[in-house]
Protein backbone atom coordinates (compact mmCIF):
# COMPACT_ATOMS: atom_id res chain seq x y z
CA MET A 1 11.10 4.86 -20.08
CA PRO A 2 7.54 4.27 -18.81
CA LYS A 3 6.90 5.18 -15.18
CA ILE A 4 5.07 3.57 -12.28
CA LEU A 5 3.91 5.80 -9.42
CA PHE A 6 4.49 4.61 -5.84
CA VAL A 7 2.24 6.43 -3.34
CA LEU A 8 3.64 6.02 0.18
CA THR A 9 2.52 7.12 3.60
CA GLY A 10 4.12 10.31 4.85
CA THR A 11 3.72 9.58 8.55
CA ASP A 12 6.06 7.84 10.98
CA PHE A 13 3.43 6.98 13.60
CA TRP A 14 0.02 5.34 13.99
CA THR A 15 -2.29 6.66 16.71
CA LEU A 16 -3.70 3.79 18.75
CA ALA A 17 -7.03 3.75 20.60
CA ASP A 18 -5.43 4.94 23.86
CA GLY A 19 -3.76 7.87 22.11
CA THR A 20 -0.32 6.26 22.00
CA LYS A 21 1.69 7.04 18.87
CA HIS A 22 3.08 3.73 17.67
CA PRO A 23 6.21 4.15 15.48
CA THR A 24 5.54 2.98 11.93
CA GLY A 25 5.78 4.03 8.28
CA PHE A 26 5.79 1.87 5.16
CA TRP A 27 6.54 -1.88 5.25
CA ALA A 28 9.94 -2.58 3.66
CA GLU A 29 9.13 -5.73 1.67
CA GLU A 30 5.98 -4.16 0.21
CA ALA A 31 8.00 -1.38 -1.41
CA ALA A 32 11.26 -3.24 -2.11
CA ALA A 33 9.92 -6.36 -3.84
CA PRO A 34 7.68 -4.50 -6.32
CA TYR A 35 10.40 -1.90 -6.91
CA GLU A 36 12.86 -4.60 -7.89
CA ALA A 37 10.32 -6.30 -10.16
CA PHE A 38 9.25 -3.09 -11.90
CA THR A 39 12.73 -1.69 -12.45
CA ALA A 40 14.01 -5.06 -13.69
CA ALA A 41 11.19 -4.96 -16.26
CA GLY A 42 12.32 -1.56 -17.52
CA TYR A 43 10.02 0.79 -15.61
CA GLU A 44 11.06 3.92 -13.78
CA VAL A 45 9.61 4.25 -10.29
CA VAL A 46 8.53 7.67 -9.03
CA VAL A 47 7.62 8.12 -5.34
CA ALA A 48 4.98 10.53 -4.05
CA THR A 49 3.82 11.25 -0.50
CA PRO A 50 1.43 13.72 1.09
CA GLY A 51 3.26 17.03 1.15
CA GLY A 52 6.37 15.48 -0.40
CA VAL A 53 7.54 14.19 3.00
CA VAL A 54 10.43 11.71 2.82
CA PRO A 55 8.79 8.41 3.77
CA THR A 56 9.86 6.44 6.84
CA VAL A 57 10.40 2.70 6.77
CA ASP A 58 8.76 0.80 9.63
CA LYS A 59 11.81 -0.49 11.53
CA SER A 60 9.86 -3.62 12.51
CA SER A 61 9.75 -4.57 8.84
CA LEU A 62 13.55 -4.81 8.80
CA ALA A 63 13.66 -7.35 11.66
CA PRO A 64 14.90 -10.90 11.00
CA GLU A 65 11.67 -12.46 12.28
CA PHE A 66 9.71 -10.77 9.50
CA ASN A 67 12.21 -11.61 6.76
CA GLY A 68 12.94 -15.29 7.22
CA GLY A 69 16.09 -14.67 9.23
CA GLN A 70 19.05 -12.30 9.29
CA GLU A 71 20.04 -12.90 5.67
CA GLY A 72 16.58 -11.92 4.47
CA ALA A 73 16.56 -8.91 6.77
CA ASP A 74 19.92 -7.73 5.43
CA LYS A 75 18.67 -8.18 1.87
CA VAL A 76 15.48 -6.15 2.35
CA ALA A 77 17.38 -3.43 4.25
CA ALA A 78 19.86 -3.15 1.39
CA ALA A 79 16.99 -3.00 -1.09
CA VAL A 80 15.35 -0.14 0.78
CA ASP A 81 18.69 1.69 1.04
CA SER A 82 19.15 1.38 -2.72
CA LEU A 83 15.72 2.83 -3.42
CA THR A 84 17.05 6.36 -3.92
CA GLU A 85 13.67 7.59 -5.17
CA LEU A 86 12.48 7.48 -1.56
CA ARG A 87 14.74 10.41 -0.74
CA HIS A 88 13.20 12.76 -3.31
CA PRO A 89 9.43 12.20 -3.34
CA LEU A 90 6.99 14.32 -5.25
CA ARG A 91 4.21 16.09 -3.45
CA LEU A 92 1.10 13.99 -3.95
CA GLU A 93 -0.69 17.23 -4.80
CA ASP A 94 1.58 17.71 -7.83
CA VAL A 95 1.12 14.25 -9.39
CA ASP A 96 -0.20 14.09 -12.96
CA LEU A 97 -1.73 10.65 -13.48
CA ALA A 98 -1.16 10.95 -17.24
CA ASP A 99 2.59 10.54 -16.64
CA TYR A 100 2.27 6.98 -15.33
CA ALA A 101 1.53 3.53 -16.70
CA ALA A 102 0.36 2.24 -13.32
CA VAL A 103 -0.14 3.30 -9.70
CA PHE A 104 0.97 1.30 -6.65
CA TYR A 105 0.26 1.78 -2.93
CA PRO A 106 2.49 -0.17 -0.49
CA GLY A 107 1.28 -0.76 3.05
CA GLY A 108 2.56 -0.62 6.59
CA HIS A 109 0.43 0.86 9.38
CA GLY A 110 1.24 4.39 8.14
CA PRO A 111 -1.64 4.53 5.62
CA MET A 112 -4.05 3.89 8.50
CA GLU A 113 -2.96 7.27 9.90
CA ASP A 114 -2.73 9.55 6.86
CA LEU A 115 -3.83 8.08 3.52
CA ALA A 116 -7.09 6.77 4.98
CA VAL A 117 -8.26 10.37 5.35
CA ASP A 118 -6.27 12.08 2.57
CA ALA A 119 -8.64 13.65 0.05
CA VAL A 120 -5.87 14.24 -2.54
CA SER A 121 -4.98 10.57 -2.46
CA GLY A 122 -8.66 9.67 -2.58
CA ARG A 123 -9.14 11.69 -5.76
CA LEU A 124 -6.03 10.14 -7.34
CA LEU A 125 -7.38 6.67 -6.58
CA ILE A 126 -10.72 7.49 -8.19
CA ASP A 127 -8.99 8.92 -11.26
CA ALA A 128 -6.69 5.88 -11.49
CA LEU A 129 -9.66 3.55 -11.23
CA ASP A 130 -11.50 5.47 -13.95
CA SER A 131 -8.41 5.56 -16.18
CA GLY A 132 -8.30 1.79 -16.62
CA LYS A 133 -4.59 1.76 -15.78
CA PRO A 134 -3.39 -0.94 -13.37
CA LEU A 135 -4.01 0.23 -9.80
CA ALA A 136 -2.24 -1.97 -7.26
CA VAL A 137 -2.61 -1.79 -3.47
CA VAL A 138 -1.21 -4.15 -0.84
CA CYS A 139 -1.66 -5.07 2.85
CA HIS A 140 -2.60 -1.92 4.86
CA GLY A 141 -2.40 0.16 1.67
CA PRO A 142 -6.15 -0.40 1.09
CA ALA A 143 -6.74 1.95 4.01
CA ALA A 144 -6.26 4.64 1.35
CA LEU A 145 -9.38 3.39 -0.43
CA LEU A 146 -11.45 4.73 2.46
CA ALA A 147 -10.71 8.30 1.31
CA ALA A 148 -11.97 7.63 -2.23
CA THR A 149 -15.39 9.14 -1.69
CA LYS A 150 -17.55 10.16 -4.62
CA ASP A 151 -19.68 13.31 -4.77
CA ASP A 152 -22.74 11.36 -3.62
CA GLY A 153 -20.90 10.22 -0.48
CA THR A 154 -20.40 6.60 -1.55
CA ASN A 155 -17.04 4.91 -1.83
CA ALA A 156 -15.68 4.57 -5.38
CA PHE A 157 -14.54 1.02 -4.59
CA ALA A 158 -17.86 -0.19 -3.22
CA GLY A 159 -18.69 -3.51 -4.88
CA TYR A 160 -15.08 -4.21 -5.84
CA LYS A 161 -13.42 -7.42 -4.69
CA VAL A 162 -10.33 -6.54 -2.66
CA ALA A 163 -7.61 -8.30 -0.68
CA ALA A 164 -6.33 -6.44 2.39
CA PHE A 165 -4.70 -7.11 5.75
CA THR A 166 -7.32 -9.09 7.63
CA ASN A 167 -8.71 -8.86 11.14
CA ASP A 168 -7.18 -12.27 11.89
CA GLU A 169 -3.76 -11.03 10.80
CA GLU A 170 -4.13 -7.86 12.87
CA THR A 171 -5.07 -10.03 15.85
CA GLN A 172 -2.08 -12.30 15.35
CA SER A 173 0.22 -9.30 15.00
CA GLY A 174 -0.95 -8.06 18.40
CA PHE A 175 -2.65 -4.83 17.34
CA ALA A 176 -6.33 -5.71 16.95
CA ASP A 177 -7.19 -4.84 20.56
CA LYS A 178 -5.10 -1.66 20.43
CA ALA A 179 -6.30 -0.16 17.15
CA LYS A 180 -8.94 2.55 16.82
CA TRP A 181 -10.41 0.56 13.94
CA LEU A 182 -9.66 -2.53 11.91
CA LEU A 183 -8.98 -2.31 8.19
CA GLU A 184 -11.06 -5.30 7.06
CA THR A 185 -14.04 -4.11 9.10
CA ARG A 186 -13.87 -0.53 7.83
CA LEU A 187 -13.54 -1.63 4.20
CA VAL A 188 -16.61 -3.86 4.52
CA GLU A 189 -18.52 -0.98 6.11
CA ALA A 190 -17.65 1.10 3.00
CA GLY A 191 -19.28 -1.54 0.77
CA ILE A 192 -16.03 -3.12 -0.39
CA ASP A 193 -16.04 -6.89 -0.88
CA VAL A 194 -13.01 -8.08 1.11
CA GLN A 195 -11.77 -11.50 0.01
CA VAL A 196 -10.25 -13.07 3.13
CA GLY A 197 -7.45 -15.59 2.64
CA GLU A 198 -5.38 -17.62 5.08
CA PRO A 199 -3.26 -15.46 7.42
CA TRP A 200 0.22 -14.61 6.09
CA VAL A 201 -0.26 -16.64 2.89
CA PRO A 202 0.13 -14.74 -0.42
CA LYS A 203 -3.25 -13.73 -1.87
CA VAL A 204 -3.80 -11.45 -4.87
CA VAL A 205 -7.25 -10.40 -6.06
CA VAL A 206 -7.93 -8.81 -9.45
CA ASP A 207 -11.19 -6.96 -10.12
CA ARG A 208 -11.17 -5.01 -13.37
CA ASN A 209 -8.06 -2.79 -13.23
CA LEU A 210 -7.78 -3.01 -9.43
CA ILE A 211 -5.09 -5.44 -8.19
CA THR A 212 -4.82 -5.97 -4.44
CA GLY A 213 -2.72 -8.11 -2.11
CA GLN A 214 -3.51 -9.26 1.41
CA ASN A 215 -0.18 -9.09 3.26
CA PRO A 216 3.57 -8.54 2.86
CA ALA A 217 4.01 -11.95 1.23
CA SER A 218 1.57 -10.83 -1.46
CA ALA A 219 3.72 -7.90 -2.61
CA ALA A 220 5.94 -9.83 -5.04
CA PRO A 221 3.10 -11.80 -6.72
CA LEU A 222 1.08 -8.57 -6.91
CA ALA A 223 3.94 -6.91 -8.78
CA ASP A 224 4.12 -9.84 -11.17
CA ARG A 225 0.41 -9.46 -11.87
CA VAL A 226 0.80 -5.74 -12.53
CA LEU A 227 3.54 -6.48 -15.07
CA LYS A 228 1.29 -9.07 -16.71
CA GLU A 229 -1.49 -6.49 -17.01
CA LEU A 230 0.95 -3.96 -18.49
CA GLY A 231 1.97 -6.57 -21.05
């Protein structure tokens, strides 16, 4: 059975500008929806995190207001509970890209804390980009792209068109004035061409083998596009 690698944040907090540690992790829908799509299509999902830490779900992402009501919240919570691979992650350091048909990075604020500065993840992203395999990243997951620095100091994704959680969305979510830095701004500073869509509306951008989604609502259509690319 072909495998798809999920790279998740290993942290359960995000350090804000005032030093406060805001509880976070990965965003439930962004892992659950693609997991369901990939496994239904016959792929095995393997989870990896920095150091092999069991990833934490952002409890906010299980709230009814973020899932279209209580029924949706119950459904996404059940989906996360059924994702047994989360309980036995590989160490990111031990991943062999050759074992996987595609690589996927879910979001949540967690990647802003750890994957944004994780050199092992950065090297994996560069290798995945160079491999031509589908590389999918959604919402705050593109924070990980910031660690993909080439030997000459430039970002490997400079010049690529990318969708990512926007400054407008961060403002509307109440964190823009609390964050140390904003994802859209930092990506642009790295030379990445951020394609800004309407807040909270699904948006998927494809540039060569890189497939990115703007927000949680983009996770399911992003997964569909990955499956299309895999044929």
